[in-house]
Protein backbone atom coordinates (compact mmCIF):
# COMPACT_ATOMS: atom_id res chain seq x y z
CA UNK A 1 16.70 1.07 4.58
CA UNK A 2 16.78 -0.71 7.96
CA UNK A 3 16.81 -4.49 8.20
CA UNK A 4 13.31 -5.91 7.96
CA UNK A 5 12.40 -8.22 10.79
CA UNK A 6 9.13 -9.44 9.31
CA UNK A 7 7.65 -9.68 5.84
CA UNK A 8 3.87 -9.95 5.74
CA UNK A 9 2.46 -11.20 2.46
CA UNK A 10 -1.13 -10.11 1.83
CA UNK A 11 -2.76 -12.31 -0.85
CA UNK A 12 -5.30 -9.97 -2.44
CA UNK A 13 -7.98 -10.80 -4.99
CA UNK A 14 -10.93 -8.40 -5.27
CA UNK A 15 -10.72 -7.40 -1.59
CA UNK A 16 -11.50 -3.69 -1.95
CA UNK A 17 -14.15 -4.00 0.77
CA UNK A 18 -11.63 -5.22 3.35
CA UNK A 19 -8.12 -4.19 2.33
CA UNK A 20 -7.98 -0.79 4.05
CA UNK A 21 -8.77 -2.39 7.39
CA UNK A 22 -6.17 -5.08 6.74
CA UNK A 23 -3.37 -2.68 5.83
CA UNK A 24 -4.17 -0.09 8.50
CA UNK A 25 -3.94 -2.80 11.16
CA UNK A 26 -0.20 -3.22 10.44
CA UNK A 27 0.65 0.43 11.08
CA UNK A 28 2.29 1.27 14.40
CA UNK A 29 5.15 3.77 14.81
CA UNK A 30 7.16 1.38 17.00
CA UNK A 31 7.48 -1.26 14.26
CA UNK A 32 6.94 0.45 10.91
CA UNK A 33 10.68 0.39 10.09
CA UNK A 34 10.99 -3.29 11.02
CA UNK A 35 8.14 -4.34 8.75
CA UNK A 36 7.72 -5.12 5.06
CA UNK A 37 4.19 -5.64 3.70
CA UNK A 38 3.88 -7.17 0.23
CA UNK A 39 0.39 -6.65 -1.17
CA UNK A 40 0.24 -9.33 -3.87
CA UNK A 41 -2.58 -8.26 -6.17
CA UNK A 42 -3.65 -11.49 -7.84
CA UNK A 43 -5.27 -10.07 -10.96
CA UNK A 44 -8.02 -8.16 -9.16
CA UNK A 45 -10.59 -6.30 -11.25
CA UNK A 46 -11.78 -3.99 -8.47
CA UNK A 47 -9.96 -1.22 -6.53
CA UNK A 48 -7.57 -3.59 -4.72
CA UNK A 49 -4.48 -2.31 -6.55
CA UNK A 50 -5.51 1.34 -6.14
CA UNK A 51 -5.95 0.94 -2.39
CA UNK A 52 -2.63 -0.86 -2.06
CA UNK A 53 -0.86 1.85 -4.07
CA UNK A 54 -2.16 4.49 -1.69
CA UNK A 55 -0.45 2.78 1.25
CA UNK A 56 2.67 2.23 -0.84
CA UNK A 57 2.78 5.96 -1.60
CA UNK A 58 2.35 6.96 2.04
CA UNK A 59 4.73 4.35 3.49
CA UNK A 60 7.15 3.51 0.65
CA UNK A 61 9.68 1.82 2.94
CA UNK A 62 7.05 -0.56 4.31
CA UNK A 63 4.29 -1.28 1.78
CA UNK A 64 4.81 -2.58 -1.73
CA UNK A 65 2.22 -3.62 -4.32
CA UNK A 66 3.03 -6.55 -6.58
CA UNK A 67 0.48 -6.95 -9.37
CA UNK A 68 0.41 -10.26 -11.21
CA UNK A 69 -1.79 -12.42 -13.41
CA UNK A 70 -4.33 -14.39 -11.41
CA UNK A 71 -2.86 -17.64 -10.13
CA UNK A 72 -4.72 -18.31 -6.92
CA UNK A 73 -3.74 -18.15 -3.26
CA UNK A 74 -0.72 -20.40 -3.62
CA UNK A 75 0.77 -18.24 -6.36
CA UNK A 76 0.68 -15.17 -4.10
CA UNK A 77 2.58 -17.01 -1.37
CA UNK A 78 5.12 -18.31 -3.90
CA UNK A 79 5.70 -14.76 -5.15
CA UNK A 80 5.95 -13.47 -1.61
CA UNK A 81 8.64 -16.01 -0.74
CA UNK A 82 10.63 -14.89 -3.79
CA UNK A 83 10.36 -11.18 -2.93
CA UNK A 84 10.54 -11.17 0.87
CA UNK A 85 13.27 -9.14 2.56
CA UNK A 86 12.25 -9.90 6.14
CA UNK A 87 14.02 -12.39 8.39
CA UNK A 88 10.62 -13.84 9.28
CA UNK A 89 7.58 -14.41 7.07
CA UNK A 90 3.85 -14.33 7.74
CA UNK A 91 0.72 -14.57 5.57
CA UNK A 92 -2.31 -12.39 6.33
CA UNK A 93 -5.12 -12.74 3.82
CA UNK A 94 -6.48 -9.56 2.25
CA UNK A 95 -9.88 -9.95 3.92
CA UNK A 96 -8.42 -10.58 7.40
CA UNK A 97 -6.43 -8.29 9.69
CA UNK A 98 -4.26 -8.23 12.82
CA UNK A 99 -4.70 -6.81 16.29
CA UNK A 100 -2.29 -3.88 16.01
CA UNK A 101 -0.99 -3.93 19.58
CA UNK A 102 -0.46 -7.69 19.65
CA UNK A 103 1.15 -7.50 16.21
CA UNK A 104 3.54 -4.89 17.60
CA UNK A 105 4.36 -7.24 20.47
CA UNK A 106 4.98 -10.08 18.03
CA UNK A 107 7.53 -8.07 16.03
CA UNK A 108 9.29 -6.89 19.19
CA UNK A 109 9.59 -10.54 20.23
CA UNK A 110 10.84 -11.56 16.78
CA UNK A 111 13.70 -9.07 17.12
CA UNK A 112 14.96 -11.06 20.13
CA UNK A 113 14.22 -14.57 18.89
CA UNK A 114 16.16 -17.04 16.78
CA UNK A 115 13.74 -19.94 16.31
CA UNK A 116 12.42 -21.57 13.16
CA UNK A 117 8.67 -21.24 13.81
CA UNK A 118 6.66 -18.93 16.04
CA UNK A 119 3.08 -19.89 16.88
CA UNK A 120 0.77 -17.13 18.10
CA UNK A 121 -2.90 -17.19 19.00
CA UNK A 122 -5.63 -16.01 16.65
CA UNK A 123 -9.29 -15.07 16.91
CA UNK A 124 -12.16 -15.93 14.58
CA UNK A 125 -14.46 -12.94 14.07
CA UNK A 126 -17.98 -12.99 12.64
CA UNK A 127 -18.08 -10.85 9.50
CA UNK A 128 -21.55 -9.47 10.25
CA UNK A 129 -21.60 -9.03 14.04
CA UNK A 130 -17.87 -8.19 14.34
CA UNK A 131 -17.82 -10.34 17.47
CA UNK A 132 -15.41 -13.18 18.17
CA UNK A 133 -17.04 -16.49 17.28
CA UNK A 134 -14.23 -18.63 18.58
CA UNK A 135 -11.33 -17.23 20.55
CA UNK A 136 -8.36 -19.52 20.10
CA UNK A 137 -7.36 -18.64 23.61
CA UNK A 138 -5.43 -21.82 24.28
CA UNK A 139 -4.81 -23.45 20.89
CA UNK A 140 -1.47 -24.57 22.27
CA UNK A 141 -2.85 -25.71 25.62
CA UNK A 142 -0.39 -28.61 25.95
CA UNK A 143 2.68 -26.40 25.63
CA UNK A 144 4.15 -23.58 27.70
CA UNK A 145 4.12 -20.05 26.28
CA UNK A 146 7.52 -18.43 25.87
CA UNK A 147 9.50 -21.66 26.06
CA UNK A 148 11.66 -22.75 23.12
CA UNK A 149 10.90 -26.31 22.04
CA UNK A 150 12.42 -28.77 19.64
CA UNK A 151 9.91 -30.31 17.24
CA UNK A 152 10.09 -33.72 18.93
CA UNK A 153 8.94 -32.08 22.19
CA UNK A 154 5.62 -30.88 20.77
CA UNK A 155 4.66 -33.71 18.41
CA UNK A 156 1.31 -35.11 19.48
CA UNK A 157 0.52 -31.96 21.45
CA UNK A 158 -0.25 -29.36 18.79
CA UNK A 159 0.28 -28.23 15.21
CA UNK A 160 0.66 -24.66 13.93
CA UNK A 161 -1.93 -23.43 11.41
CA UNK A 162 -1.32 -20.76 8.76
CA UNK A 163 -3.07 -18.09 10.83
CA UNK A 164 -0.88 -18.88 13.82
CA UNK A 165 2.41 -19.35 11.99
CA UNK A 166 5.35 -17.00 11.58
CA UNK A 167 8.36 -18.74 10.06
CA UNK A 168 11.95 -17.95 9.09
CA UNK A 169 12.05 -16.87 5.46
CA UNK A 170 15.22 -18.87 4.81
CA UNK A 171 13.37 -22.08 5.68
CA UNK A 172 10.70 -21.37 3.08
CA UNK A 173 13.44 -20.93 0.51
CA UNK A 174 15.21 -24.11 1.56
CA UNK A 175 12.19 -26.27 0.79
CA UNK A 176 12.50 -25.57 -2.96
CA UNK A 177 8.97 -26.70 -3.72
CA UNK A 178 6.21 -24.48 -5.05
CA UNK A 179 2.80 -24.28 -3.46
CA UNK A 180 0.03 -25.33 -5.85
CA UNK A 181 -1.53 -22.56 -7.92
CA UNK A 182 -5.18 -22.25 -9.01
CA UNK A 183 -6.07 -24.47 -6.06
CA UNK A 184 -7.94 -24.12 -2.75
CA UNK A 185 -6.69 -25.40 0.64
CA UNK A 186 -3.03 -24.74 -0.16
CA UNK A 187 -2.53 -23.29 3.32
CA UNK A 188 -1.99 -26.93 4.28
CA UNK A 189 0.91 -27.14 1.83
CA UNK A 190 2.32 -23.90 3.21
CA UNK A 191 2.44 -25.25 6.78
CA UNK A 192 3.63 -28.75 5.80
CA UNK A 193 6.32 -28.29 3.14
CA UNK A 194 8.76 -26.52 5.52
CA UNK A 195 8.59 -29.20 8.24
CA UNK A 196 11.65 -31.20 7.04
CA UNK A 197 13.69 -28.06 7.80
CA UNK A 198 12.09 -27.12 11.14
CA UNK A 199 13.74 -27.84 14.47
CA UNK A 200 12.89 -25.11 16.99
CA UNK A 201 9.53 -23.53 17.85
CA UNK A 202 8.13 -21.11 20.39
CA UNK A 203 4.50 -20.33 21.28
CA UNK A 204 3.36 -16.83 22.19
CA UNK A 205 0.15 -15.96 23.99
CA UNK A 206 -1.00 -12.68 22.35
CA UNK A 207 -3.83 -13.20 19.86
CA UNK A 208 -2.39 -11.58 16.73
CA UNK A 209 -4.44 -12.71 13.72
CA UNK A 210 -8.10 -11.85 13.15
CA UNK A 211 -9.73 -14.42 10.86
CA UNK A 212 -12.94 -13.16 9.27
CA UNK A 213 -15.74 -15.75 9.15
CA UNK A 214 -18.86 -15.54 7.00
CA UNK A 215 -17.36 -13.77 3.98
CA UNK A 216 -19.28 -14.65 0.78
CA UNK A 217 -17.68 -17.49 -1.21
CA UNK A 218 -15.36 -18.45 1.65
CA UNK A 219 -13.61 -21.71 0.71
CA UNK A 220 -14.29 -23.30 4.11
CA UNK A 221 -18.09 -23.05 3.80
CA UNK A 222 -19.75 -26.43 3.33
CA UNK A 223 -21.11 -25.59 -0.12
CA UNK A 224 -17.67 -24.47 -1.26
CA UNK A 225 -16.02 -27.53 0.22
CA UNK A 226 -18.50 -29.76 -1.60
CA UNK A 227 -17.81 -27.96 -4.88
CA UNK A 228 -14.05 -28.15 -4.26
CA UNK A 229 -13.91 -31.73 -3.01
CA UNK A 230 -11.39 -32.68 -5.71
CA UNK A 231 -9.19 -29.69 -4.78
CA UNK A 232 -9.15 -30.83 -1.16
CA UNK A 233 -8.29 -34.39 -2.15
CA UNK A 234 -5.58 -33.17 -4.53
CA UNK A 235 -3.85 -31.19 -1.77
CA UNK A 236 -4.13 -34.08 0.69
CA UNK A 237 -2.55 -36.51 -1.78
CA UNK A 238 0.16 -34.02 -2.71
CA UNK A 239 1.14 -33.74 0.95
CA UNK A 240 1.28 -37.52 1.16
CA UNK A 241 3.47 -37.77 -1.95
CA UNK A 242 5.74 -34.99 -0.66
CA UNK A 243 6.16 -36.82 2.61
CA UNK A 244 7.01 -40.03 0.76
CA UNK A 245 9.54 -38.15 -1.39
CA UNK A 246 11.21 -36.62 1.67
CA UNK A 247 10.99 -39.75 3.83
CA UNK A 248 14.71 -40.52 3.85
CA UNK A 249 15.46 -37.01 5.17
CA UNK A 250 12.79 -36.91 7.88
CA UNK A 251 13.34 -37.40 11.59
CA UNK A 252 10.76 -39.48 13.44
CA UNK A 253 9.32 -36.26 14.89
CA UNK A 254 9.03 -34.57 11.49
CA UNK A 255 7.35 -37.68 10.05
CA UNK A 256 4.84 -37.85 12.90
CA UNK A 257 4.10 -34.11 12.74
CA UNK A 258 3.41 -34.31 9.01
CA UNK A 259 1.23 -37.38 9.56
CA UNK A 260 -0.84 -35.40 12.06
CA UNK A 261 -1.51 -32.69 9.47
CA UNK A 262 -2.43 -35.28 6.83
CA UNK A 263 -4.58 -37.07 9.43
CA UNK A 264 -6.46 -33.83 10.04
CA UNK A 265 -7.05 -33.53 6.29
CA UNK A 266 -8.33 -37.12 6.13
CA UNK A 267 -10.89 -36.19 8.79
CA UNK A 268 -11.80 -33.06 6.84
CA UNK A 269 -12.19 -35.08 3.63
CA UNK A 270 -14.58 -37.41 5.45
CA UNK A 271 -16.53 -34.40 6.68
CA UNK A 272 -17.03 -33.32 3.07
CA UNK A 273 -18.26 -36.80 2.11
CA UNK A 274 -20.86 -36.92 4.90
CA UNK A 275 -22.05 -33.39 4.07
CA UNK A 276 -23.62 -34.68 0.84
CA UNK A 277 -27.20 -36.04 0.85
CA UNK A 278 -27.83 -39.77 1.20
CA UNK A 279 -27.97 -41.46 -2.17
CA UNK A 280 -25.24 -39.26 -3.65
CA UNK A 281 -22.81 -42.16 -3.85
CA UNK A 282 -20.37 -40.58 -1.42
CA UNK A 283 -20.44 -43.55 0.96
CA UNK A 284 -18.61 -45.71 -1.57
CA UNK A 285 -16.16 -42.89 -2.28
CA UNK A 286 -15.49 -42.47 1.44
CA UNK A 287 -14.90 -46.19 1.93
CA UNK A 288 -12.56 -46.41 -1.05
CA UNK A 289 -10.64 -43.32 0.05
CA UNK A 290 -10.26 -44.59 3.62
CA UNK A 291 -9.05 -48.00 2.44
CA UNK A 292 -6.56 -46.31 0.12
CA UNK A 293 -5.12 -44.13 2.89
CA UNK A 294 -4.89 -47.06 5.29
CA UNK A 295 -2.73 -48.92 2.78
CA UNK A 296 -0.83 -45.90 1.48
CA UNK A 297 0.05 -44.21 4.78
CA UNK A 298 -0.87 -46.12 7.96
CA UNK A 299 0.73 -43.42 10.12
CA UNK A 300 -1.52 -40.67 8.78
CA UNK A 301 -4.50 -43.05 8.84
CA UNK A 302 -3.97 -43.67 12.56
CA UNK A 303 -3.45 -39.95 13.22
CA UNK A 304 -7.09 -39.09 12.50
CA UNK A 305 -8.59 -37.70 15.71
CA UNK A 306 -12.21 -37.40 14.53
CA UNK A 307 -14.26 -39.83 16.64
CA UNK A 308 -17.03 -40.07 14.02
CA UNK A 309 -14.50 -41.30 11.45
CA UNK A 310 -13.23 -43.98 13.82
CA UNK A 311 -16.79 -45.07 14.62
CA UNK A 312 -17.54 -45.42 10.90
CA UNK A 313 -14.37 -47.46 10.50
CA UNK A 314 -15.32 -49.66 13.46
CA UNK A 315 -18.70 -50.43 11.90
CA UNK A 316 -17.35 -51.00 8.40
CA UNK A 317 -19.01 -47.71 7.36
CA UNK A 318 -22.48 -49.09 8.16
CA UNK A 319 -22.98 -45.95 10.26
CA UNK A 320 -22.20 -43.62 7.35
CA UNK A 321 -25.94 -42.77 6.85
CA UNK A 322 -26.21 -41.92 10.55
CA UNK A 323 -23.23 -39.58 10.22
CA UNK A 324 -24.89 -37.90 7.22
CA UNK A 325 -28.13 -37.33 9.16
CA UNK A 326 -26.25 -36.10 12.24
CA UNK A 327 -24.29 -33.65 10.12
CA UNK A 328 -27.47 -32.38 8.47
CA UNK A 329 -29.14 -31.92 11.87
CA UNK A 330 -26.15 -30.06 13.24
CA UNK A 331 -26.15 -27.68 10.25
CA UNK A 332 -29.88 -27.04 10.59
CA UNK A 333 -29.54 -26.28 14.29
CA UNK A 334 -27.19 -23.33 13.71
C-alpha cells in the first residue's frame, strides 16, 4: 500500500440520501492511491453502512467503513484521529461533498507541502436549488494565497473553519484531548484544540468543500440552535477552560487566535439569545453571560466582532428588545 497523503473522515449518521454523492466526489484516478477515506458509521439505522461497504468493496485500498455505537459528531472525529493513516487529515460530513477537481488539486499540493494547517475555500450550496448561496470566494481576503505564514502573521486577519481546514494528523494526536461526544457544535473544539501545536499555515484559493445548506434538522438552523442553546454554551465554556489549562504553553499569537474563536462563539451565543421572543427571560441570561465572560476572559470578550453585541453592551442591554425585533424582522424577510 502506498503512503497516504490525506485521510478524509466522513462522519455518517443516517445519510443514505447523500452519501453516494459524498463518496463519489472523492474519486479521481490521479489521487486515489494517495487518499484514505474513513466512513465512520455512527450507529445509523438506514442504508448508510451498506452504501459505504459498496465503495469499500470497489476501492479497498481507499475506502474503509468503521461502524460504531452512536456517539455524535465528535465521536466520529475522535475515532478518525485514532485510525487515520494519512499525513494530513480532513473532515467532510456525510451530507456534504467536495469539488472533485479542486480536491485533486488540494492533494497534489499537499504532496509538496510541509505546513501544519492548510486553509482552502469552500462554497455553501442550497440543498433544494443546488445553487451556491454564499461563495466563500475570499474568506482569507487579508492573506496571500500560496504563501506560508507563521500563526503570528495571520492573527487578527482570519481564522480557519472546519470546512476550510486540512491539518497534519500528528498535530491532532499531539493535543491528547478528546472532542466532546453526544454534543453539537464540536467543530469549534476540532479547530481550537490543535492551536497550541500550530505554527505554520498556508491558504489555497481553490474552493474544495461543498457545504449543503437547508438539510432537515441541520444544527445551525435557528430552531435547532434554540433547542441546543445549552450545547452551544457548553462547548464555548469548554474552549475557555481548555485555553486556561493550556495558558502557560501558549504563545501570544496562539492565545489571541483562540480568543478570536471564542469571541465568535460569544457573538453566536448572543444571536441565540436574541432569537427568542420577548418575554422569554433571555435578556437576563444574556446580560449574566456577558458579564461572566467579561470577568472570566477579557481577551475573548473584546474579540467579539458583532456590532449589535457591542451596541447592546454600550447601552447596558437596554437595546436588547430592539435586537430581538430586528432579528425577527430579518428572519421574516427571507
